[in-house]
Amino acid sequence: MRRVSQSHAALVGIANLLMMKGEKELALELLSLIRHHPASWQLAKDQATPLVARLIAESPSDVVAEAQEHGRARDLNAAVAEHLGRLEE
C-alpha cells in the first residue's frame, strides 16, 4: 500500500511538470487518476485538488470532462511506467 501511495505522490509531481510544459490535458488526466484511485492517500488527493481546480479554470469544459474520464479509467501501474519513461527521454 505504501508503494502505491508513493506512486501517487510521484504522479502529482509529474502532473505539475506537465502543467509547466503546457500539457494541461495530460496533467488533468493524471490528477484525476490520483483523486479517484481507491488506494490514494488523502495527502495525495489534497495535493492534487488545487492543481485540478486551476486546470479546470484554464481549460474548456469538454477537455476537462474527457481528461477526467480518461484519468478515472487509467491503470495506476501503466500510468507510472508511461510517465517515468517520458521523463527518461
PDB file of N, CA and C in Angstrom:
ATOM      1  N   MET A   1       0.831  -1.200   0.000  1.00  0.00           N
ATOM      2  CA  MET A   1       0.000   0.000   0.000  1.00  0.00           C
ATOM      3  C   MET A   1       0.872   1.259   0.000  1.00  0.00           C
ATOM      4  N   ARG A   2       1.961   1.237   0.762  1.00  0.00           N
ATOM      5  CA  ARG A   2       2.855   2.396   0.827  1.00  0.00           C
ATOM      6  C   ARG A   2       3.443   2.707  -0.549  1.00  0.00           C
ATOM      7  N   ARG A   3       3.782   1.650  -1.287  1.00  0.00           N
ATOM      8  CA  ARG A   3       4.362   1.829  -2.615  1.00  0.00           C
ATOM      9  C   ARG A   3       3.368   2.530  -3.554  1.00  0.00           C
ATOM     10  N   VAL A   4       2.103   2.158  -3.465  1.00  0.00           N
ATOM     11  CA  VAL A   4       1.068   2.791  -4.280  1.00  0.00           C
ATOM     12  C   VAL A   4       0.977   4.273  -3.941  1.00  0.00           C
ATOM     13  N   SER A   5       0.998   4.602  -2.669  1.00  0.00           N
ATOM     14  CA  SER A   5       0.898   5.999  -2.253  1.00  0.00           C
ATOM     15  C   SER A   5       2.100   6.806  -2.723  1.00  0.00           C
ATOM     16  N   GLN A   6       3.282   6.178  -2.709  1.00  0.00           N
ATOM     17  CA  GLN A   6       4.461   6.859  -3.220  1.00  0.00           C
ATOM     18  C   GLN A   6       4.323   7.105  -4.721  1.00  0.00           C
ATOM     19  N   SER A   7       3.697   6.174  -5.415  1.00  0.00           N
ATOM     20  CA  SER A   7       3.440   6.357  -6.844  1.00  0.00           C
ATOM     21  C   SER A   7       2.522   7.547  -7.077  1.00  0.00           C
ATOM     22  N   HIS A   8       1.522   7.680  -6.226  1.00  0.00           N
ATOM     23  CA  HIS A   8       0.608   8.811  -6.361  1.00  0.00           C
ATOM     24  C   HIS A   8       1.336  10.127  -6.114  1.00  0.00           C
ATOM     25  N   ALA A   9       2.185  10.172  -5.127  1.00  0.00           N
ATOM     26  CA  ALA A   9       2.955  11.389  -4.856  1.00  0.00           C
ATOM     27  C   ALA A   9       3.840  11.733  -6.047  1.00  0.00           C
ATOM     28  N   ALA A  10       4.457  10.725  -6.641  1.00  0.00           N
ATOM     29  CA  ALA A  10       5.286  10.953  -7.824  1.00  0.00           C
ATOM     30  C   ALA A  10       4.444  11.477  -8.982  1.00  0.00           C
ATOM     31  N   LEU A  11       3.234  10.949  -9.146  1.00  0.00           N
ATOM     32  CA  LEU A  11       2.371  11.405 -10.234  1.00  0.00           C
ATOM     33  C   LEU A  11       1.915  12.849 -10.036  1.00  0.00           C
ATOM     34  N   VAL A  12       1.722  13.275  -8.798  1.00  0.00           N
ATOM     35  CA  VAL A  12       1.388  14.684  -8.553  1.00  0.00           C
ATOM     36  C   VAL A  12       2.541  15.554  -9.036  1.00  0.00           C
ATOM     37  N   GLY A  13       3.759  15.160  -8.728  1.00  0.00           N
ATOM     38  CA  GLY A  13       4.926  15.906  -9.194  1.00  0.00           C
ATOM     39  C   GLY A  13       5.038  15.919 -10.705  1.00  0.00           C
ATOM     40  N   ILE A  14       4.794  14.782 -11.322  1.00  0.00           N
ATOM     41  CA  ILE A  14       4.839  14.693 -12.784  1.00  0.00           C
ATOM     42  C   ILE A  14       3.748  15.568 -13.392  1.00  0.00           C
ATOM     43  N   ALA A  15       2.552  15.543 -12.808  1.00  0.00           N
ATOM     44  CA  ALA A  15       1.459  16.390 -13.312  1.00  0.00           C
ATOM     45  C   ALA A  15       1.836  17.859 -13.222  1.00  0.00           C
ATOM     46  N   ASN A  16       2.509  18.236 -12.153  1.00  0.00           N
ATOM     47  CA  ASN A  16       2.951  19.622 -12.007  1.00  0.00           C
ATOM     48  C   ASN A  16       3.939  19.991 -13.111  1.00  0.00           C
ATOM     49  N   LEU A  17       4.862  19.093 -13.409  1.00  0.00           N
ATOM     50  CA  LEU A  17       5.809  19.331 -14.502  1.00  0.00           C
ATOM     51  C   LEU A  17       5.086  19.451 -15.846  1.00  0.00           C
ATOM     52  N   LEU A  18       4.112  18.588 -16.066  1.00  0.00           N
ATOM     53  CA  LEU A  18       3.339  18.650 -17.311  1.00  0.00           C
ATOM     54  C   LEU A  18       2.606  19.983 -17.437  1.00  0.00           C
ATOM     55  N   MET A  19       2.075  20.471 -16.327  1.00  0.00           N
ATOM     56  CA  MET A  19       1.399  21.773 -16.352  1.00  0.00           C
ATOM     57  C   MET A  19       2.365  22.867 -16.772  1.00  0.00           C
ATOM     58  N   MET A  20       3.571  22.829 -16.232  1.00  0.00           N
ATOM     59  CA  MET A  20       4.580  23.838 -16.574  1.00  0.00           C
ATOM     60  C   MET A  20       4.969  23.764 -18.045  1.00  0.00           C
ATOM     61  N   LYS A  21       4.903  22.559 -18.620  1.00  0.00           N
ATOM     62  CA  LYS A  21       5.222  22.370 -20.036  1.00  0.00           C
ATOM     63  C   LYS A  21       4.035  22.682 -20.936  1.00  0.00           C
ATOM     64  N   GLY A  22       2.878  22.991 -20.339  1.00  0.00           N
ATOM     65  CA  GLY A  22       1.698  23.304 -21.132  1.00  0.00           C
ATOM     66  C   GLY A  22       0.863  22.095 -21.512  1.00  0.00           C
ATOM     67  N   GLU A  23       1.181  20.935 -20.977  1.00  0.00           N
ATOM     68  CA  GLU A  23       0.437  19.714 -21.281  1.00  0.00           C
ATOM     69  C   GLU A  23      -0.678  19.539 -20.245  1.00  0.00           C
ATOM     70  N   LYS A  24      -1.611  20.466 -20.284  1.00  0.00           N
ATOM     71  CA  LYS A  24      -2.654  20.545 -19.259  1.00  0.00           C
ATOM     72  C   LYS A  24      -3.603  19.356 -19.265  1.00  0.00           C
ATOM     73  N   GLU A  25      -3.976  18.896 -20.431  1.00  0.00           N
ATOM     74  CA  GLU A  25      -4.931  17.784 -20.511  1.00  0.00           C
ATOM     75  C   GLU A  25      -4.341  16.519 -19.885  1.00  0.00           C
ATOM     76  N   LEU A  26      -3.091  16.243 -20.188  1.00  0.00           N
ATOM     77  CA  LEU A  26      -2.437  15.069 -19.623  1.00  0.00           C
ATOM     78  C   LEU A  26      -2.250  15.225 -18.114  1.00  0.00           C
ATOM     79  N   ALA A  27      -1.918  16.420 -17.673  1.00  0.00           N
ATOM     80  CA  ALA A  27      -1.790  16.680 -16.235  1.00  0.00           C
ATOM     81  C   ALA A  27      -3.114  16.431 -15.530  1.00  0.00           C
ATOM     82  N   LEU A  28      -4.197  16.914 -16.110  1.00  0.00           N
ATOM     83  CA  LEU A  28      -5.512  16.726 -15.507  1.00  0.00           C
ATOM     84  C   LEU A  28      -5.895  15.247 -15.468  1.00  0.00           C
ATOM     85  N   GLU A  29      -5.515  14.510 -16.488  1.00  0.00           N
ATOM     86  CA  GLU A  29      -5.786  13.067 -16.519  1.00  0.00           C
ATOM     87  C   GLU A  29      -5.082  12.374 -15.347  1.00  0.00           C
ATOM     88  N   LEU A  30      -3.812  12.686 -15.137  1.00  0.00           N
ATOM     89  CA  LEU A  30      -3.073  12.077 -14.036  1.00  0.00           C
ATOM     90  C   LEU A  30      -3.652  12.466 -12.679  1.00  0.00           C
ATOM     91  N   LEU A  31      -3.991  13.724 -12.536  1.00  0.00           N
ATOM     92  CA  LEU A  31      -4.546  14.189 -11.267  1.00  0.00           C
ATOM     93  C   LEU A  31      -5.899  13.550 -10.986  1.00  0.00           C
ATOM     94  N   SER A  32      -6.677  13.310 -12.024  1.00  0.00           N
ATOM     95  CA  SER A  32      -7.967  12.624 -11.850  1.00  0.00           C
ATOM     96  C   SER A  32      -7.756  11.181 -11.411  1.00  0.00           C
ATOM     97  N   LEU A  33      -6.733  10.536 -11.970  1.00  0.00           N
ATOM     98  CA  LEU A  33      -6.395   9.184 -11.530  1.00  0.00           C
ATOM     99  C   LEU A  33      -6.096   9.187 -10.037  1.00  0.00           C
ATOM    100  N   ILE A  34      -5.301  10.111  -9.592  1.00  0.00           N
ATOM    101  CA  ILE A  34      -4.928  10.200  -8.179  1.00  0.00           C
ATOM    102  C   ILE A  34      -6.146  10.454  -7.300  1.00  0.00           C
ATOM    103  N   ARG A  35      -6.975  11.379  -7.702  1.00  0.00           N
ATOM    104  CA  ARG A  35      -8.124  11.756  -6.869  1.00  0.00           C
ATOM    105  C   ARG A  35      -9.166  10.653  -6.764  1.00  0.00           C
ATOM    106  N   HIS A  36      -9.209   9.738  -7.731  1.00  0.00           N
ATOM    107  CA  HIS A  36     -10.264   8.729  -7.751  1.00  0.00           C
ATOM    108  C   HIS A  36      -9.762   7.302  -7.530  1.00  0.00           C
ATOM    109  N   HIS A  37      -8.482   7.120  -7.398  1.00  0.00           N
ATOM    110  CA  HIS A  37      -7.950   5.775  -7.177  1.00  0.00           C
ATOM    111  C   HIS A  37      -8.254   5.350  -5.739  1.00  0.00           C
ATOM    112  N   PRO A  38      -8.759   4.149  -5.543  1.00  0.00           N
ATOM    113  CA  PRO A  38      -9.161   3.723  -4.195  1.00  0.00           C
ATOM    114  C   PRO A  38      -8.005   3.652  -3.189  1.00  0.00           C
ATOM    115  N   ALA A  39      -6.784   3.504  -3.657  1.00  0.00           N
ATOM    116  CA  ALA A  39      -5.651   3.403  -2.735  1.00  0.00           C
ATOM    117  C   ALA A  39      -4.962   4.740  -2.484  1.00  0.00           C
ATOM    118  N   SER A  40      -5.461   5.810  -3.075  1.00  0.00           N
ATOM    119  CA  SER A  40      -4.835   7.123  -2.876  1.00  0.00           C
ATOM    120  C   SER A  40      -4.955   7.572  -1.431  1.00  0.00           C
ATOM    121  N   TRP A  41      -3.857   8.018  -0.901  1.00  0.00           N
ATOM    122  CA  TRP A  41      -3.885   8.606   0.431  1.00  0.00           C
ATOM    123  C   TRP A  41      -4.472  10.003   0.332  1.00  0.00           C
ATOM    124  N   GLN A  42      -5.048  10.454   1.412  1.00  0.00           N
ATOM    125  CA  GLN A  42      -5.672  11.773   1.435  1.00  0.00           C
ATOM    126  C   GLN A  42      -4.663  12.876   1.108  1.00  0.00           C
ATOM    127  N   LEU A  43      -3.418  12.719   1.545  1.00  0.00           N
ATOM    128  CA  LEU A  43      -2.392  13.724   1.272  1.00  0.00           C
ATOM    129  C   LEU A  43      -2.220  13.935  -0.237  1.00  0.00           C
ATOM    130  N   ALA A  44      -2.157  12.844  -0.998  1.00  0.00           N
ATOM    131  CA  ALA A  44      -2.014  12.951  -2.460  1.00  0.00           C
ATOM    132  C   ALA A  44      -3.236  13.626  -3.063  1.00  0.00           C
ATOM    133  N   LYS A  45      -4.430  13.270  -2.573  1.00  0.00           N
ATOM    134  CA  LYS A  45      -5.657  13.908  -3.063  1.00  0.00           C
ATOM    135  C   LYS A  45      -5.644  15.402  -2.748  1.00  0.00           C
ATOM    136  N   ASP A  46      -5.199  15.738  -1.540  1.00  0.00           N
ATOM    137  CA  ASP A  46      -5.133  17.146  -1.143  1.00  0.00           C
ATOM    138  C   ASP A  46      -4.146  17.927  -1.998  1.00  0.00           C
ATOM    139  N   GLN A  47      -3.039  17.296  -2.376  1.00  0.00           N
ATOM    140  CA  GLN A  47      -2.060  17.955  -3.239  1.00  0.00           C
ATOM    141  C   GLN A  47      -2.596  18.124  -4.659  1.00  0.00           C
ATOM    142  N   ALA A  48      -3.391  17.179  -5.098  1.00  0.00           N
ATOM    143  CA  ALA A  48      -3.922  17.221  -6.462  1.00  0.00           C
ATOM    144  C   ALA A  48      -5.062  18.227  -6.610  1.00  0.00           C
ATOM    145  N   THR A  49      -5.848  18.426  -5.565  1.00  0.00           N
ATOM    146  CA  THR A  49      -7.066  19.230  -5.673  1.00  0.00           C
ATOM    147  C   THR A  49      -6.847  20.660  -6.164  1.00  0.00           C
ATOM    148  N   PRO A  50      -5.894  21.446  -5.618  1.00  0.00           N
ATOM    149  CA  PRO A  50      -5.734  22.804  -6.135  1.00  0.00           C
ATOM    150  C   PRO A  50      -5.218  22.843  -7.572  1.00  0.00           C
ATOM    151  N   LEU A  51      -4.438  21.840  -7.941  1.00  0.00           N
ATOM    152  CA  LEU A  51      -3.957  21.774  -9.321  1.00  0.00           C
ATOM    153  C   LEU A  51      -5.116  21.490 -10.270  1.00  0.00           C
ATOM    154  N   VAL A  52      -6.001  20.596  -9.866  1.00  0.00           N
ATOM    155  CA  VAL A  52      -7.187  20.293 -10.675  1.00  0.00           C
ATOM    156  C   VAL A  52      -8.049  21.541 -10.823  1.00  0.00           C
ATOM    157  N   ALA A  53      -8.253  22.252  -9.729  1.00  0.00           N
ATOM    158  CA  ALA A  53      -9.073  23.471  -9.778  1.00  0.00           C
ATOM    159  C   ALA A  53      -8.481  24.479 -10.760  1.00  0.00           C
ATOM    160  N   ARG A  54      -7.174  24.619 -10.729  1.00  0.00           N
ATOM    161  CA  ARG A  54      -6.507  25.552 -11.655  1.00  0.00           C
ATOM    162  C   ARG A  54      -6.692  25.115 -13.104  1.00  0.00           C
ATOM    163  N   LEU A  55      -6.510  23.824 -13.359  1.00  0.00           N
ATOM    164  CA  LEU A  55      -6.662  23.312 -14.718  1.00  0.00           C
ATOM    165  C   LEU A  55      -8.095  23.441 -15.213  1.00  0.00           C
ATOM    166  N   ILE A  56      -9.054  23.204 -14.343  1.00  0.00           N
ATOM    167  CA  ILE A  56     -10.459  23.361 -14.723  1.00  0.00           C
ATOM    168  C   ILE A  56     -10.745  24.804 -15.112  1.00  0.00           C
ATOM    169  N   ALA A  57     -10.187  25.733 -14.355  1.00  0.00           N
ATOM    170  CA  ALA A  57     -10.409  27.157 -14.640  1.00  0.00           C
ATOM    171  C   ALA A  57      -9.770  27.591 -15.960  1.00  0.00           C
ATOM    172  N   GLU A  58      -8.701  26.908 -16.356  1.00  0.00           N
ATOM    173  CA  GLU A  58      -7.940  27.307 -17.547  1.00  0.00           C
ATOM    174  C   GLU A  58      -8.305  26.527 -18.813  1.00  0.00           C
ATOM    175  N   SER A  59      -9.173  25.533 -18.692  1.00  0.00           N
ATOM    176  CA  SER A  59      -9.422  24.634 -19.821  1.00  0.00           C
ATOM    177  C   SER A  59     -10.892  24.613 -20.212  1.00  0.00           C
ATOM    178  N   PRO A  60     -11.162  24.357 -21.502  1.00  0.00           N
ATOM    179  CA  PRO A  60     -12.553  24.204 -21.946  1.00  0.00           C
ATOM    180  C   PRO A  60     -13.221  23.020 -21.245  1.00  0.00           C
ATOM    181  N   SER A  61     -14.507  23.131 -21.002  1.00  0.00           N
ATOM    182  CA  SER A  61     -15.224  22.104 -20.236  1.00  0.00           C
ATOM    183  C   SER A  61     -15.193  20.729 -20.907  1.00  0.00           C
ATOM    184  N   ASP A  62     -15.207  20.679 -22.241  1.00  0.00           N
ATOM    185  CA  ASP A  62     -15.168  19.374 -22.906  1.00  0.00           C
ATOM    186  C   ASP A  62     -13.811  18.703 -22.729  1.00  0.00           C
ATOM    187  N   VAL A  63     -12.747  19.488 -22.725  1.00  0.00           N
ATOM    188  CA  VAL A  63     -11.410  18.951 -22.494  1.00  0.00           C
ATOM    189  C   VAL A  63     -11.295  18.430 -21.064  1.00  0.00           C
ATOM    190  N   VAL A  64     -11.841  19.183 -20.123  1.00  0.00           N
ATOM    191  CA  VAL A  64     -11.831  18.778 -18.712  1.00  0.00           C
ATOM    192  C   VAL A  64     -12.568  17.454 -18.537  1.00  0.00           C
ATOM    193  N   ALA A  65     -13.761  17.364 -19.088  1.00  0.00           N
ATOM    194  CA  ALA A  65     -14.570  16.154 -18.936  1.00  0.00           C
ATOM    195  C   ALA A  65     -13.855  14.936 -19.515  1.00  0.00           C
ATOM    196  N   GLU A  66     -13.275  15.084 -20.688  1.00  0.00           N
ATOM    197  CA  GLU A  66     -12.588  13.962 -21.333  1.00  0.00           C
ATOM    198  C   GLU A  66     -11.353  13.539 -20.537  1.00  0.00           C
ATOM    199  N   ALA A  67     -10.565  14.507 -20.091  1.00  0.00           N
ATOM    200  CA  ALA A  67      -9.354  14.189 -19.329  1.00  0.00           C
ATOM    201  C   ALA A  67      -9.704  13.508 -18.011  1.00  0.00           C
ATOM    202  N   GLN A  68     -10.732  14.000 -17.343  1.00  0.00           N
ATOM    203  CA  GLN A  68     -11.133  13.387 -16.077  1.00  0.00           C
ATOM    204  C   GLN A  68     -11.639  11.968 -16.286  1.00  0.00           C
ATOM    205  N   GLU A  69     -12.391  11.750 -17.344  1.00  0.00           N
ATOM    206  CA  GLU A  69     -12.890  10.411 -17.642  1.00  0.00           C
ATOM    207  C   GLU A  69     -11.742   9.451 -17.926  1.00  0.00           C
ATOM    208  N   HIS A  70     -10.776   9.891 -18.726  1.00  0.00           N
ATOM    209  CA  HIS A  70      -9.616   9.053 -19.025  1.00  0.00           C
ATOM    210  C   HIS A  70      -8.820   8.754 -17.760  1.00  0.00           C
ATOM    211  N   GLY A  71      -8.653   9.759 -16.920  1.00  0.00           N
ATOM    212  CA  GLY A  71      -7.898   9.574 -15.684  1.00  0.00           C
ATOM    213  C   GLY A  71      -8.531   8.548 -14.763  1.00  0.00           C
ATOM    214  N   ARG A  72      -9.835   8.614 -14.631  1.00  0.00           N
ATOM    215  CA  ARG A  72     -10.540   7.661 -13.760  1.00  0.00           C
ATOM    216  C   ARG A  72     -10.413   6.226 -14.267  1.00  0.00           C
ATOM    217  N   ALA A  73     -10.269   6.068 -15.567  1.00  0.00           N
ATOM    218  CA  ALA A  73     -10.215   4.738 -16.172  1.00  0.00           C
ATOM    219  C   ALA A  73      -8.787   4.185 -16.276  1.00  0.00           C
ATOM    220  N   ARG A  74      -7.781   4.993 -15.998  1.00  0.00           N
ATOM    221  CA  ARG A  74      -6.394   4.561 -16.167  1.00  0.00           C
ATOM    222  C   ARG A  74      -5.964   3.539 -15.132  1.00  0.00           C
ATOM    223  N   ASP A  75      -5.022   2.727 -15.520  1.00  0.00           N
ATOM    224  CA  ASP A  75      -4.376   1.785 -14.620  1.00  0.00           C
ATOM    225  C   ASP A  75      -3.178   2.503 -13.991  1.00  0.00           C
ATOM    226  N   LEU A  76      -3.073   2.423 -12.680  1.00  0.00           N
ATOM    227  CA  LEU A  76      -2.004   3.124 -11.974  1.00  0.00           C
ATOM    228  C   LEU A  76      -0.622   2.696 -12.451  1.00  0.00           C
ATOM    229  N   ASN A  77      -0.373   1.411 -12.518  1.00  0.00           N
ATOM    230  CA  ASN A  77       0.953   0.927 -12.915  1.00  0.00           C
ATOM    231  C   ASN A  77       1.313   1.368 -14.329  1.00  0.00           C
ATOM    232  N   ALA A  78       0.361   1.329 -15.225  1.00  0.00           N
ATOM    233  CA  ALA A  78       0.611   1.761 -16.598  1.00  0.00           C
ATOM    234  C   ALA A  78       0.921   3.258 -16.643  1.00  0.00           C
ATOM    235  N   ALA A  79       0.203   4.047 -15.867  1.00  0.00           N
ATOM    236  CA  ALA A  79       0.437   5.493 -15.841  1.00  0.00           C
ATOM    237  C   ALA A  79       1.819   5.815 -15.300  1.00  0.00           C
ATOM    238  N   VAL A  80       2.208   5.142 -14.220  1.00  0.00           N
ATOM    239  CA  VAL A  80       3.537   5.375 -13.647  1.00  0.00           C
ATOM    240  C   VAL A  80       4.617   4.992 -14.654  1.00  0.00           C
ATOM    241  N   ALA A  81       4.508   3.823 -15.246  1.00  0.00           N
ATOM    242  CA  ALA A  81       5.505   3.362 -16.210  1.00  0.00           C
ATOM    243  C   ALA A  81       5.599   4.312 -17.406  1.00  0.00           C
ATOM    244  N   GLU A  82       4.460   4.734 -17.908  1.00  0.00           N
ATOM    245  CA  GLU A  82       4.438   5.631 -19.071  1.00  0.00           C
ATOM    246  C   GLU A  82       5.155   6.937 -18.771  1.00  0.00           C
ATOM    247  N   HIS A  83       4.846   7.514 -17.638  1.00  0.00           N
ATOM    248  CA  HIS A  83       5.375   8.847 -17.357  1.00  0.00           C
ATOM    249  C   HIS A  83       6.802   8.829 -16.840  1.00  0.00           C
ATOM    250  N   LEU A  84       7.197   7.762 -16.193  1.00  0.00           N
ATOM    251  CA  LEU A  84       8.616   7.641 -15.846  1.00  0.00           C
ATOM    252  C   LEU A  84       9.441   7.463 -17.113  1.00  0.00           C
ATOM    253  N   GLY A  85       8.891   6.701 -18.055  1.00  0.00           N
ATOM    254  CA  GLY A  85       9.562   6.540 -19.345  1.00  0.00           C
ATOM    255  C   GLY A  85       9.709   7.861 -20.092  1.00  0.00           C
ATOM    256  N   ARG A  86       8.691   8.698 -20.011  1.00  0.00           N
ATOM    257  CA  ARG A  86       8.735  10.006 -20.674  1.00  0.00           C
ATOM    258  C   ARG A  86       9.808  10.888 -20.043  1.00  0.00           C
ATOM    259  N   LEU A  87       9.966  10.786 -18.736  1.00  0.00           N
ATOM    260  CA  LEU A  87      10.966  11.608 -18.044  1.00  0.00           C
ATOM    261  C   LEU A  87      12.386  11.190 -18.411  1.00  0.00           C
ATOM    262  N   GLU A  88      12.554   9.914 -18.730  1.00  0.00           N
ATOM    263  CA  GLU A  88      13.875   9.415 -19.094  1.00  0.00           C
ATOM    264  C   GLU A  88      14.295   9.806 -20.508  1.00  0.00           C
ATOM    265  N   GLU A  89      13.345  10.204 -21.321  1.00  0.00           N
ATOM    266  CA  GLU A  89      13.657  10.550 -22.722  1.00  0.00           C
ATOM    267  C   GLU A  89      14.420  11.845 -22.812  1.00  0.00           C
TER     268      GLU A  89
END
